[in-house]
Amino acid sequence: MEKELYIDGDILPYRVGFATQRTIYVLDLEGEHTCSPFLITRSKRQVTKYVKENPGVLVHEYFYVEEPIQAINTLKLMIQSIVKGSGCHRFKVVVSGPTNYREEIATIQKYKGNRDGSEKPVHWQMLRDWLETMPYTIVTDNEEADDVLSRAMMAGHVGASIDKDLNNTPGTHYNFVKGEIYEVSDEQASRNFYTQCLTGDTADHIPGIRGIGPAKAAKLLTGKNDVASMERTVLEEYAKHYDDPVAALTEVGQLLWMRRKENEMWKPVTSS
């Protein structure tokens, strides 16, 4: 079977959008805008440092956005680069549709509730709309792009993403920012999943257990090499913080789990 590449398309409009817009700072003498400014930079930190050391300087701020056709061309080149770097010849781009079952099952706290009103680049919607018109694009139905990538990897294909959540799925991964192709074993995938069950996921506003970070989670799971032992360890910790640890773990697990089968809903294996 020829391996096909499945690209996490949710990321692309953000990366291309922010890459095709920029703020430029021009530092000049206060009250003058000369042809020979002291400093031209895109670094806000550099501006702050320079103004602190030179209080008589005026900062002119300019926001520049490339034309839509330039942004689309950049997106095309990014997709071509990802496909080439993966070593695959065939590919799909997967974008998340408007609904997601995780929003319906999240009761402890709102799923991705910390992203309300989060900043999007100017061309985000245009790039997203363009992607959806392409014949190689899959738009998900009531799930996330990562769920489709996860099932594709379980079928022997390659998943291209920079999202750490996908490391919960075994198979061939391609981090297209680092240019790294790597394999995740069944045990590594389970360990990554149960680690997240302990730590939660702040990016997606998924709760875990307060006070448990990656280092403590790794320590708790040390020596646990199978799903049952990892899960029992997690449930023991949940029992210290939740009135119904099985229900809490079931909800958190379903939010974190990348579907390996159609319409799959994760359940603890040790609770029955």
Protein backbone atom coordinates (compact mmCIF):
# COMPACT_ATOMS: atom_id res chain seq x y z
CA MET A 1 0.00 0.00 0.00
CA GLU A 2 1.29 3.44 -0.93
CA LYS A 3 1.33 5.70 2.09
CA GLU A 4 -0.76 8.84 1.72
CA LEU A 5 -0.11 12.06 3.61
CA TYR A 6 -2.89 13.61 5.70
CA ILE A 7 -2.14 17.25 6.58
CA ASP A 8 -3.69 19.07 9.55
CA GLY A 9 -5.20 21.96 7.58
CA ASP A 10 -6.47 23.84 10.65
CA ILE A 11 -2.95 25.08 11.28
CA LEU A 12 -2.18 26.37 7.78
CA PRO A 13 -4.39 29.51 7.58
CA TYR A 14 -2.87 30.68 10.87
CA ARG A 15 0.74 30.10 9.90
CA VAL A 16 0.35 31.57 6.42
CA GLY A 17 -1.88 34.39 7.64
CA PHE A 18 0.57 35.58 10.27
CA ALA A 19 3.49 35.10 7.87
CA THR A 20 1.88 37.43 5.32
CA GLN A 21 1.25 40.32 7.69
CA ARG A 22 3.65 42.29 9.80
CA THR A 23 4.06 45.35 11.96
CA ILE A 24 7.07 47.53 11.16
CA TYR A 25 8.42 50.07 13.63
CA VAL A 26 10.34 53.16 12.51
CA LEU A 27 12.17 55.08 15.24
CA ASP A 28 12.93 58.74 14.63
CA LEU A 29 13.70 61.97 16.43
CA GLU A 30 10.65 63.19 18.30
CA GLY A 31 8.62 65.50 16.09
CA GLU A 32 10.54 64.59 12.93
CA HIS A 33 10.11 61.89 10.34
CA THR A 34 13.41 61.91 8.51
CA CYS A 35 14.71 59.90 5.58
CA SER A 36 17.36 58.40 7.86
CA PRO A 37 15.56 56.96 10.91
CA PHE A 38 17.51 55.55 13.84
CA LEU A 39 15.99 52.11 13.59
CA ILE A 40 13.61 50.07 11.41
CA THR A 41 12.56 46.78 12.95
CA ARG A 42 9.78 44.23 13.36
CA SER A 43 10.81 43.46 16.94
CA LYS A 44 8.61 45.03 19.62
CA ARG A 45 11.17 43.98 22.23
CA GLN A 46 13.94 45.79 20.35
CA VAL A 47 11.77 48.92 20.15
CA THR A 48 11.05 48.86 23.88
CA LYS A 49 14.74 48.47 24.70
CA TYR A 50 15.80 51.25 22.32
CA VAL A 51 13.19 53.73 23.58
CA LYS A 52 14.16 53.02 27.19
CA GLU A 53 17.79 53.82 26.39
CA ASN A 54 16.91 56.80 24.13
CA PRO A 55 13.92 58.64 25.65
CA GLY A 56 13.85 61.37 22.97
CA VAL A 57 12.75 58.97 20.24
CA LEU A 58 9.37 58.76 18.54
CA VAL A 59 7.99 55.41 17.35
CA HIS A 60 6.04 55.20 14.09
CA GLU A 61 4.08 51.96 13.71
CA TYR A 62 3.00 50.57 10.33
CA PHE A 63 0.87 47.47 9.76
CA TYR A 64 1.39 45.75 6.41
CA VAL A 65 -0.71 42.94 4.91
CA GLU A 66 0.18 41.18 1.68
CA GLU A 67 -2.37 40.93 -1.13
CA PRO A 68 -4.76 37.92 -0.98
CA ILE A 69 -3.21 36.32 -4.09
CA GLN A 70 0.21 36.49 -2.43
CA ALA A 71 -1.16 34.79 0.68
CA ILE A 72 -2.76 32.03 -1.43
CA ASN A 73 0.50 31.48 -3.28
CA THR A 74 2.31 31.22 0.06
CA LEU A 75 -0.25 28.63 1.19
CA LYS A 76 0.25 26.62 -2.01
CA LEU A 77 4.01 26.65 -1.52
CA MET A 78 3.63 25.57 2.11
CA ILE A 79 1.48 22.59 1.12
CA GLN A 80 3.95 21.62 -1.61
CA SER A 81 6.82 21.87 0.88
CA ILE A 82 5.00 19.69 3.44
CA VAL A 83 4.22 17.01 0.87
CA LYS A 84 7.79 17.00 -0.44
CA GLY A 85 9.27 16.84 3.05
CA SER A 86 7.09 13.88 3.98
CA GLY A 87 8.31 11.78 1.08
CA CYS A 88 4.72 10.95 0.10
CA HIS A 89 3.28 11.44 -3.38
CA ARG A 90 -0.43 11.60 -2.57
CA PHE A 91 -2.01 13.81 0.06
CA LYS A 92 -5.17 15.16 1.67
CA VAL A 93 -5.63 18.36 3.64
CA VAL A 94 -8.08 18.01 6.53
CA VAL A 95 -9.90 20.95 8.14
CA SER A 96 -12.32 20.88 11.05
CA GLY A 97 -15.96 21.51 10.24
CA PRO A 98 -18.24 23.89 12.19
CA THR A 99 -19.35 21.34 14.80
CA ASN A 100 -17.40 19.16 17.22
CA TYR A 101 -18.87 16.50 19.51
CA ARG A 102 -16.40 17.48 22.23
CA GLU A 103 -18.26 20.74 22.83
CA GLU A 104 -21.37 18.73 23.73
CA ILE A 105 -19.73 16.38 26.25
CA ALA A 106 -17.59 18.95 28.10
CA THR A 107 -19.30 19.62 31.45
CA ILE A 108 -16.40 20.25 33.83
CA GLN A 109 -15.37 23.33 31.87
CA LYS A 110 -16.08 24.66 28.39
CA TYR A 111 -14.04 22.93 25.69
CA LYS A 112 -11.62 25.44 24.13
CA GLY A 113 -13.38 28.10 26.20
CA ASN A 114 -10.11 29.97 26.62
CA ARG A 115 -9.99 30.65 22.87
CA ASP A 116 -13.12 32.82 22.65
CA GLY A 117 -12.19 35.94 20.71
CA SER A 118 -8.64 34.74 20.09
CA GLU A 119 -6.70 36.67 17.49
CA LYS A 120 -6.80 35.51 13.89
CA PRO A 121 -4.64 36.93 11.07
CA VAL A 122 -6.33 39.19 8.53
CA HIS A 123 -6.37 36.58 5.77
CA TRP A 124 -7.44 33.66 8.00
CA GLN A 125 -11.01 33.37 6.70
CA MET A 126 -10.02 33.88 3.06
CA LEU A 127 -7.34 31.18 3.28
CA ARG A 128 -9.68 28.82 5.08
CA ASP A 129 -12.41 29.36 2.45
CA TRP A 130 -9.90 28.75 -0.34
CA LEU A 131 -8.75 25.50 1.25
CA GLU A 132 -12.31 24.23 1.45
CA THR A 133 -12.73 24.64 -2.33
CA MET A 134 -9.78 22.40 -3.14
CA PRO A 135 -10.50 18.83 -4.34
CA TYR A 136 -7.89 17.39 -1.98
CA THR A 137 -9.49 18.93 1.13
CA ILE A 138 -11.63 16.99 3.60
CA VAL A 139 -13.97 18.97 5.89
CA THR A 140 -14.79 16.98 9.03
CA ASP A 141 -18.29 16.24 10.28
CA ASN A 142 -18.79 16.89 14.02
CA GLU A 143 -15.18 16.07 14.88
CA GLU A 144 -11.70 17.57 14.49
CA ALA A 145 -9.11 17.32 11.76
CA ASP A 146 -6.88 15.36 14.16
CA ASP A 147 -9.52 12.63 14.39
CA VAL A 148 -9.32 12.05 10.64
CA LEU A 149 -5.51 12.11 10.75
CA SER A 150 -5.59 9.62 13.63
CA ARG A 151 -7.73 7.14 11.72
CA ALA A 152 -5.54 7.58 8.63
CA MET A 153 -2.42 6.75 10.66
CA MET A 154 -4.12 3.69 12.12
CA ALA A 155 -4.67 2.61 8.50
CA GLY A 156 -0.95 2.95 7.78
CA HIS A 157 -0.79 6.47 6.35
CA VAL A 158 1.24 9.50 7.55
CA GLY A 159 -0.12 12.32 9.69
CA ALA A 160 1.41 15.78 9.22
CA SER A 161 0.86 18.14 12.12
CA ILE A 162 2.58 20.13 14.84
CA ASP A 163 -0.16 19.40 17.38
CA LYS A 164 1.15 17.34 20.30
CA ASP A 165 -2.32 15.84 20.81
CA LEU A 166 -1.80 13.64 17.78
CA ASN A 167 1.05 11.89 19.60
CA ASN A 168 -1.72 10.00 21.41
CA THR A 169 -2.05 7.94 18.22
CA PRO A 170 0.55 5.35 17.20
CA GLY A 171 1.93 5.41 13.69
CA THR A 172 4.00 7.58 11.37
CA HIS A 173 4.08 11.29 12.19
CA TYR A 174 5.56 14.21 10.28
CA ASN A 175 6.28 17.47 12.10
CA PHE A 176 6.47 19.80 9.12
CA VAL A 177 7.89 22.73 11.08
CA LYS A 178 10.84 20.73 12.40
CA GLY A 179 11.01 18.59 9.25
CA GLU A 180 10.97 15.41 11.37
CA ILE A 181 9.41 12.06 10.46
CA TYR A 182 9.04 9.84 13.52
CA GLU A 183 7.19 6.79 14.76
CA VAL A 184 5.02 6.59 17.87
CA SER A 185 4.62 3.10 19.32
CA ASP A 186 1.46 1.76 20.96
CA GLU A 187 3.04 2.10 24.40
CA GLN A 188 4.27 5.63 23.73
CA ALA A 189 0.83 6.65 22.46
CA SER A 190 -0.84 5.26 25.60
CA ARG A 191 1.71 6.97 27.84
CA ASN A 192 1.18 10.28 26.04
CA PHE A 193 -2.59 9.93 26.40
CA TYR A 194 -2.60 9.11 30.11
CA THR A 195 -0.02 11.82 30.75
CA GLN A 196 -2.47 14.32 29.27
CA CYS A 197 -5.27 12.85 31.36
CA LEU A 198 -3.19 13.77 34.41
CA THR A 199 -1.96 17.19 33.27
CA GLY A 200 -4.95 18.29 31.23
CA ASP A 201 -4.51 20.46 28.16
CA THR A 202 -4.45 24.21 28.74
CA ALA A 203 -4.45 24.94 25.00
CA ASP A 204 -7.84 23.23 24.60
CA HIS A 205 -9.11 24.15 28.11
CA ILE A 206 -9.32 20.49 29.14
CA PRO A 207 -8.98 19.91 32.89
CA GLY A 208 -6.60 17.44 34.46
CA ILE A 209 -5.47 17.43 38.06
CA ARG A 210 -4.30 20.66 39.62
CA GLY A 211 -0.65 20.51 40.62
CA ILE A 212 0.31 17.73 38.21
CA GLY A 213 2.56 18.80 35.36
CA PRO A 214 4.50 16.72 32.82
CA ALA A 215 7.34 15.89 35.22
CA LYS A 216 5.07 14.65 38.02
CA ALA A 217 2.90 12.75 35.52
CA ALA A 218 5.99 11.03 34.13
CA LYS A 219 7.03 10.04 37.65
CA LEU A 220 3.58 8.64 38.45
CA LEU A 221 3.55 6.56 35.26
CA THR A 222 7.12 5.29 35.60
CA GLY A 223 7.17 1.49 35.52
CA LYS A 224 3.61 1.32 34.17
CA ASN A 225 4.01 -0.24 30.74
CA ASP A 226 0.49 -1.32 29.80
CA VAL A 227 -2.84 0.46 29.41
CA ALA A 228 -4.46 -1.11 32.48
CA SER A 229 -1.68 -0.14 34.90
CA MET A 230 -1.42 3.38 33.50
CA GLU A 231 -5.17 3.85 33.77
CA ARG A 232 -5.37 2.55 37.33
CA THR A 233 -2.67 5.03 38.34
CA VAL A 234 -4.60 7.87 36.74
CA LEU A 235 -7.87 6.81 38.39
CA GLU A 236 -6.15 6.73 41.79
CA GLU A 237 -5.16 10.36 41.30
CA TYR A 238 -8.62 11.30 40.01
CA ALA A 239 -10.18 9.73 43.11
CA LYS A 240 -8.30 12.30 45.21
CA HIS A 241 -9.85 15.23 43.34
CA TYR A 242 -13.18 14.16 41.81
CA ASP A 243 -16.29 12.78 43.55
CA ASP A 244 -16.86 10.42 40.62
CA PRO A 245 -13.37 9.66 39.26
CA VAL A 246 -14.60 7.28 36.54
CA ALA A 247 -17.07 9.83 35.15
CA ALA A 248 -14.45 12.59 35.29
CA LEU A 249 -11.81 10.47 33.57
CA THR A 250 -14.33 9.35 30.95
CA GLU A 251 -15.13 12.97 30.07
CA VAL A 252 -11.50 14.12 30.04
CA GLY A 253 -10.44 11.03 28.10
CA GLN A 254 -13.12 11.56 25.45
CA LEU A 255 -11.99 15.16 25.02
CA LEU A 256 -8.34 14.16 24.63
CA TRP A 257 -8.72 10.93 22.63
CA MET A 258 -8.03 11.15 18.91
CA ARG A 259 -10.53 8.80 17.28
CA ARG A 260 -9.01 5.63 15.82
CA LYS A 261 -12.36 4.36 14.48
CA GLU A 262 -15.42 6.07 13.00
CA ASN A 263 -17.62 7.68 15.70
CA GLU A 264 -15.46 6.14 18.45
CA MET A 265 -16.11 7.30 22.04
CA TRP A 266 -13.28 6.43 24.42
CA LYS A 267 -14.10 4.63 27.68
CA PRO A 268 -11.87 3.53 30.57
CA VAL A 269 -10.85 -0.08 30.17
CA THR A 270 -10.55 -0.78 33.92
CA SER A 271 -13.87 0.64 35.20
CA SER A 272 -16.17 -2.28 34.31
